Protein backbone atom coordinates (compact mmCIF):
# COMPACT_ATOMS: atom_id res chain seq x y z
CA MET A 1 103.72 106.24 66.93
CA GLY A 2 105.48 109.56 66.85
CA GLU A 3 106.58 109.86 70.00
CA ASP A 4 109.78 108.83 72.01
CA SER A 5 109.26 105.85 73.72
CA THR A 6 111.82 106.17 76.49
CA GLU A 7 110.80 109.29 77.36
CA ILE A 8 107.66 109.84 79.85
CA LYS A 9 106.73 113.56 80.33
CA SER A 10 105.23 114.59 83.33
CA THR A 11 102.60 117.19 81.20
CA TRP A 12 100.25 114.17 79.89
CA ALA A 13 97.16 114.45 80.98
CA VAL A 14 98.45 110.36 82.27
CA VAL A 15 100.77 111.09 83.63
CA GLN A 16 98.99 114.83 85.27
CA ASP A 17 95.68 112.23 86.63
CA HIS A 18 96.95 109.55 88.69
CA THR A 19 93.34 109.07 90.09
CA ARG A 20 92.83 105.01 92.31
CA HIS A 21 89.82 104.24 91.07
CA PHE A 22 89.18 103.22 87.10
CA SER A 23 85.53 101.54 86.49
CA ASP A 24 84.15 99.73 88.92
CA PHE A 25 87.41 97.88 90.31
CA THR A 26 87.37 98.36 94.74
CA PHE A 27 91.69 97.53 94.66
CA VAL A 28 93.17 98.04 91.28
CA TYR A 29 94.22 101.00 89.39
CA PRO A 30 96.15 102.16 86.36
CA VAL A 31 99.10 104.77 86.25
CA ILE A 32 101.07 105.99 83.43
CA SER A 33 104.19 106.26 86.46
CA ARG A 34 107.29 108.60 85.30
CA ARG A 35 109.05 106.19 87.77
CA SER A 36 107.99 103.29 86.55
CA ARG A 37 108.94 104.37 83.26
CA GLY A 38 105.49 103.03 81.94
CA LEU A 39 102.36 101.23 83.11
CA SER A 40 102.11 100.73 86.44
CA ILE A 41 99.02 98.67 87.68
CA GLY A 42 98.16 100.04 91.51
CA VAL A 43 96.61 97.53 94.24
CA ASN A 44 94.88 100.66 96.63
CA LEU A 45 95.05 98.54 100.08
CA ASN A 46 93.76 101.49 101.60
CA PRO A 47 90.97 102.72 99.42
CA ASP A 48 89.49 103.46 103.30
CA LYS A 49 92.12 105.87 103.69
CA VAL A 50 93.54 104.87 106.42
CA CYS A 51 97.39 106.11 107.14
CA ASN A 52 99.32 107.50 109.67
CA PHE A 53 100.76 110.15 108.07
CA ASP A 54 98.53 112.78 107.20
CA CYS A 55 101.20 114.48 104.91
CA ILE A 56 101.32 118.62 103.30
CA TYR A 57 101.29 117.42 99.74
CA CYS A 58 99.00 114.24 99.93
CA GLU A 59 96.72 114.37 96.72
CA VAL A 60 94.44 112.44 99.16
CA ASP A 61 91.61 114.86 100.65
CA ARG A 62 90.74 112.88 103.57
CA ARG A 63 87.62 114.78 104.56
CA ILE A 64 86.50 113.02 101.61
CA PRO A 65 85.12 109.87 103.99
CA GLY A 66 86.63 106.14 102.03
CA ALA A 67 85.56 103.41 100.75
CA VAL A 68 85.49 99.97 102.77
CA THR A 69 87.33 97.84 105.08
CA GLY A 70 89.78 95.63 104.45
CA VAL A 71 91.42 93.22 101.29
CA ASP A 72 88.55 90.77 99.96
CA LEU A 73 91.63 88.81 98.49
CA ARG A 74 89.44 87.25 96.23
CA GLN A 75 88.10 89.77 94.90
CA MET A 76 91.76 91.46 94.37
CA LYS A 77 92.94 89.21 92.44
CA ASP A 78 90.12 88.92 90.35
CA GLU A 79 90.38 92.71 89.77
CA LEU A 80 94.27 92.32 89.12
CA THR A 81 93.53 89.24 86.64
CA ALA A 82 90.82 91.51 84.52
CA MET A 83 93.09 94.68 84.60
CA VAL A 84 96.19 92.81 83.15
CA ARG A 85 94.67 91.22 80.53
CA PHE A 86 92.59 95.07 79.53
CA ALA A 87 96.42 96.20 79.60
CA ARG A 88 97.40 93.05 77.49
CA ASP A 89 94.69 92.93 75.40
CA GLY A 90 94.74 96.64 74.05
CA GLY A 91 91.71 97.33 75.63
CA LEU A 92 93.40 100.30 78.08
CA ALA A 93 94.68 101.98 74.74
CA LYS A 94 91.27 103.50 74.06
CA GLU A 95 90.88 104.41 77.33
CA PRO A 96 90.50 107.84 77.92
CA LYS A 97 93.61 109.39 78.20
CA PHE A 98 95.34 105.92 78.32
CA ASP A 99 94.05 106.50 74.62
CA GLU A 100 96.98 109.24 74.19
CA VAL A 101 100.02 107.23 74.76
CA PRO A 102 99.12 103.29 73.69
CA TRP A 103 102.14 102.41 73.49
CA LEU A 104 103.24 102.30 76.93
CA THR A 105 99.41 100.54 77.98
CA ARG A 106 100.95 97.10 76.75
CA GLU A 107 103.52 96.40 79.01
CA VAL A 108 103.01 96.32 82.80
CA LYS A 109 105.96 97.88 83.99
CA ASP A 110 105.33 97.01 87.73
CA ILE A 111 102.43 96.18 90.40
CA ALA A 112 102.61 98.77 93.14
CA PHE A 113 101.09 98.17 96.34
CA SER A 114 99.88 102.21 97.11
CA GLY A 115 96.81 103.79 97.21
CA ASP A 116 94.84 106.14 99.69
CA GLY A 117 96.86 105.40 102.69
CA GLU A 118 99.99 103.37 104.05
CA PRO A 119 99.67 99.98 103.04
CA THR A 120 102.16 98.19 105.71
CA MET A 121 98.93 99.97 107.84
CA ILE A 122 96.54 96.48 106.85
CA ASN A 123 96.99 92.64 109.14
CA ASN A 124 97.67 90.96 105.73
CA VAL A 125 100.41 92.72 103.73
CA ALA A 126 102.57 89.09 103.42
CA GLY A 127 98.73 87.12 101.92
CA CYS A 128 98.40 89.99 99.56
CA VAL A 129 101.45 90.00 98.20
CA GLU A 130 101.45 85.98 98.06
CA ALA A 131 98.04 87.05 95.55
CA VAL A 132 100.21 89.02 93.30
CA VAL A 133 102.45 86.29 92.89
CA ASP A 134 99.72 84.26 91.75
CA VAL A 135 98.54 86.78 89.15
CA LYS A 136 102.15 87.39 88.23
CA GLN A 137 102.65 83.76 87.71
CA ALA A 138 99.28 82.55 86.06
CA GLU A 139 99.81 85.87 83.32
CA GLY A 140 103.54 85.30 82.64
CA LEU A 141 104.49 88.24 84.34
CA GLU A 142 107.77 87.36 85.45
CA SER A 143 109.51 90.19 84.36
CA THR A 144 107.02 92.48 86.20
CA ARG A 145 108.43 94.15 89.61
CA ILE A 146 105.98 94.01 92.46
CA VAL A 147 106.50 97.31 94.30
CA LEU A 148 105.70 98.63 97.95
CA ILE A 149 105.43 102.05 97.87
CA THR A 150 105.79 103.29 101.93
CA ASP A 151 106.14 105.68 104.83
CA ALA A 152 108.37 103.23 105.98
CA ALA A 153 106.81 103.05 109.57
CA GLY A 154 105.05 99.33 109.18
CA LEU A 155 108.76 97.67 108.07
CA ASP A 156 109.57 96.58 111.40
CA LYS A 157 105.80 94.84 111.38
CA GLY A 158 106.25 90.56 110.88
CA ASP A 159 104.18 90.91 108.70
CA VAL A 160 105.20 92.81 106.65
CA LYS A 161 108.80 90.99 106.68
CA ARG A 162 107.01 88.05 105.66
CA GLY A 163 105.99 89.66 102.91
CA LEU A 164 109.09 91.67 101.88
CA GLU A 165 110.51 87.47 102.04
CA VAL A 166 107.55 87.06 99.13
CA MET A 167 108.88 89.72 97.40
CA ALA A 168 111.99 89.39 97.54
CA ARG A 169 111.18 86.19 95.70
CA ASN A 170 109.37 87.67 92.69
CA ASN A 171 111.22 90.63 91.11
CA GLY A 172 110.40 92.87 94.28
CA GLU A 173 111.41 96.61 95.00
CA ILE A 174 110.86 98.70 98.43
CA TRP A 175 110.45 102.04 97.71
CA GLY A 176 110.89 103.96 101.27
CA LYS A 177 109.90 107.74 102.06
CA LEU A 178 111.57 109.86 102.85
CA ASP A 179 110.92 113.73 102.93
CA ALA A 180 112.91 114.80 105.99
CA GLY A 181 116.31 114.93 108.06
CA THR A 182 115.66 116.50 110.68
CA GLU A 183 112.64 115.52 113.28
CA GLU A 184 111.47 119.42 113.17
CA TYR A 185 110.87 119.34 109.89
CA PHE A 186 109.43 115.99 109.62
CA LYS A 187 106.66 116.93 111.75
CA LEU A 188 106.02 119.73 109.81
CA VAL A 189 105.25 117.99 106.36
CA ASN A 190 104.67 114.51 107.17
CA ARG A 191 101.95 115.58 110.12
CA THR A 192 102.51 111.71 112.11
CA ASN A 193 102.84 110.38 115.60
CA VAL A 194 105.01 108.42 114.76
CA LYS A 195 108.24 109.13 115.64
CA PHE A 196 111.78 110.23 113.12
CA GLU A 197 113.71 108.45 114.73
CA ARG A 198 111.75 105.06 113.84
CA ILE A 199 111.96 105.94 110.26
CA LEU A 200 114.70 106.01 109.92
CA ASN A 201 116.12 102.40 112.09
CA ASN A 202 113.22 101.25 109.82
CA LEU A 203 115.23 102.11 106.27
CA LEU A 204 118.87 101.06 108.17
CA GLU A 205 117.38 97.50 109.12
CA THR A 206 115.30 96.56 106.43
CA SER A 207 118.46 97.76 104.05
CA LYS A 208 121.07 96.06 105.80
CA VAL A 209 118.54 92.82 104.68
CA ARG A 210 117.86 94.00 100.92
CA PRO A 211 118.24 96.76 98.81
CA ILE A 212 116.02 99.57 98.92
CA ILE A 213 115.19 102.63 97.32
CA ILE A 214 114.51 105.72 99.16
CA GLN A 215 111.97 108.45 97.60
CA SER A 216 112.17 111.55 98.29
CA LEU A 217 108.95 114.32 97.99
CA PHE A 218 110.62 118.33 97.98
CA PHE A 219 108.63 120.89 97.94
CA LYS A 220 107.77 124.37 99.03
CA VAL A 221 106.61 125.18 101.60
CA HIS A 222 104.70 128.79 101.92
CA GLY A 223 106.82 129.39 98.97
CA GLU A 224 109.97 128.78 100.17
CA ALA A 225 112.23 125.28 99.34
CA MET A 226 114.11 122.96 101.71
CA SER A 227 116.45 125.02 103.19
CA LYS A 228 120.74 123.81 102.90
CA ALA A 229 120.47 123.43 106.57
CA GLU A 230 118.06 120.70 105.99
CA LEU A 231 118.87 119.10 102.39
CA GLU A 232 122.74 118.76 104.20
CA ALA A 233 121.09 117.07 107.33
CA TYR A 234 119.11 114.66 105.30
CA CYS A 235 122.31 113.76 103.34
CA GLY A 236 123.79 112.98 106.38
CA ARG A 237 120.29 110.66 107.39
CA LEU A 238 121.79 108.60 103.82
CA CYS A 239 125.21 108.11 104.77
CA ASP A 240 123.56 106.84 108.33
CA ILE A 241 122.05 104.46 106.80
CA THR A 242 125.09 103.19 104.49
CA ASP A 243 127.21 103.97 106.84
CA GLY A 244 125.30 101.32 109.32
CA GLY A 245 125.38 98.13 106.60
CA GLY A 246 122.20 99.26 105.04
CA GLN A 247 122.25 98.86 101.13
CA ILE A 248 120.28 102.29 99.25
CA ARG A 249 120.19 101.55 95.46
CA GLU A 250 119.05 104.95 94.22
CA VAL A 251 117.65 107.82 95.73
CA HIS A 252 114.00 109.07 93.34
CA LEU A 253 113.58 112.86 93.84
CA TYR A 254 110.29 114.22 92.81
CA THR A 255 108.15 116.87 93.70
CA VAL A 256 105.10 118.71 93.74
CA ALA A 257 102.74 117.02 90.38
CA ARG A 258 99.17 117.04 91.42
CA PRO A 259 96.90 119.13 93.36
CA THR A 260 97.43 119.21 97.22
CA PRO A 261 93.94 119.58 99.67
CA GLU A 262 96.89 121.72 101.18
CA THR A 263 97.30 125.38 98.73
CA TYR A 264 100.20 126.73 100.42
CA ALA A 265 102.54 123.08 99.21
CA THR A 266 103.74 124.06 95.53
CA LYS A 267 105.90 122.87 93.50
CA LEU A 268 109.98 122.99 92.62
CA GLU A 269 111.10 123.90 89.30
CA ALA A 270 113.36 121.36 88.24
CA ILE A 271 116.29 123.32 88.09
CA GLU A 272 115.59 123.34 92.21
CA LEU A 273 115.27 119.81 92.20
CA GLU A 274 118.60 118.70 89.91
CA GLN A 275 120.64 121.06 92.37
CA MET A 276 119.27 120.05 94.66
CA ALA A 277 120.81 116.12 93.55
CA ASP A 278 124.01 117.66 92.80
CA MET A 279 123.83 117.73 96.65
CA ILE A 280 122.49 114.33 97.54
CA ARG A 281 124.63 113.37 95.19
CA GLU A 282 128.59 114.43 96.37
CA ARG A 283 127.28 114.44 100.39
CA ALA A 284 125.85 111.27 99.64
CA GLN A 285 127.79 109.65 96.67
CA LEU A 286 124.92 108.29 95.97
CA ALA A 287 122.77 107.50 92.76
CA VAL A 288 120.12 110.29 92.51
CA SER A 289 117.09 110.33 89.82
CA VAL A 290 115.26 113.41 89.03
CA PHE A 291 111.05 113.61 88.35
CA PRO A 292 110.04 116.86 88.32
């Protein structure tokens, strides 16, 4: 194949374009993900683009109306089954962009709840998780992870907690967002009415039950990177979680990878991210994976 199959390059077109629309599917789409280390099948529970955050770096353009409202579980399961088989049988490897990396298209590394909004805002998260588990079992995907990519605001909801319990029994992972160390910076970058305290408490309480991954997107705002004081505060928040009995398996540190509606939100250089990661490792004593 002429490439190192363990390295996924940020310059590849298939990595730079994570469109959530594929063929005539409504809820399911494939991406090659560096953080998943291969093929991730996304399950978009928010084609209506409903979200409780309005992050300045978000690539979803909410000026364009969303598609459908609500999740049809049968349709979602049928689409997921079709996508798994399409990838496994070699069809995905022949699609534009994916044909550049065919060796990455057959093994499904994870099935991720991630889309055009916040997945925990729907009222049937547990049912959606159970539907994915059904497909996993039917298609023999024992080693495939189920990932919830979340802003953490809804982790305290009863239905979400039930969904997390199902995930825990089926190779599940929680990737919880934390982009700030202070309330002021949180409001600046995530632009939400959700209280920062709720995010922090949800991350703590969830990680007391099972390990989580913290996902943090750092970037420049009007040409300025996060200040050292803000990064110190961020490290303090991580320490608050671990000191409080929470379990953080790893921190995923990454930056803007695709065009954003807010043009003043721009990419950090790889060396800047690495320097931030070193500080997090030193202050919080946690493993950090960097995705520049």
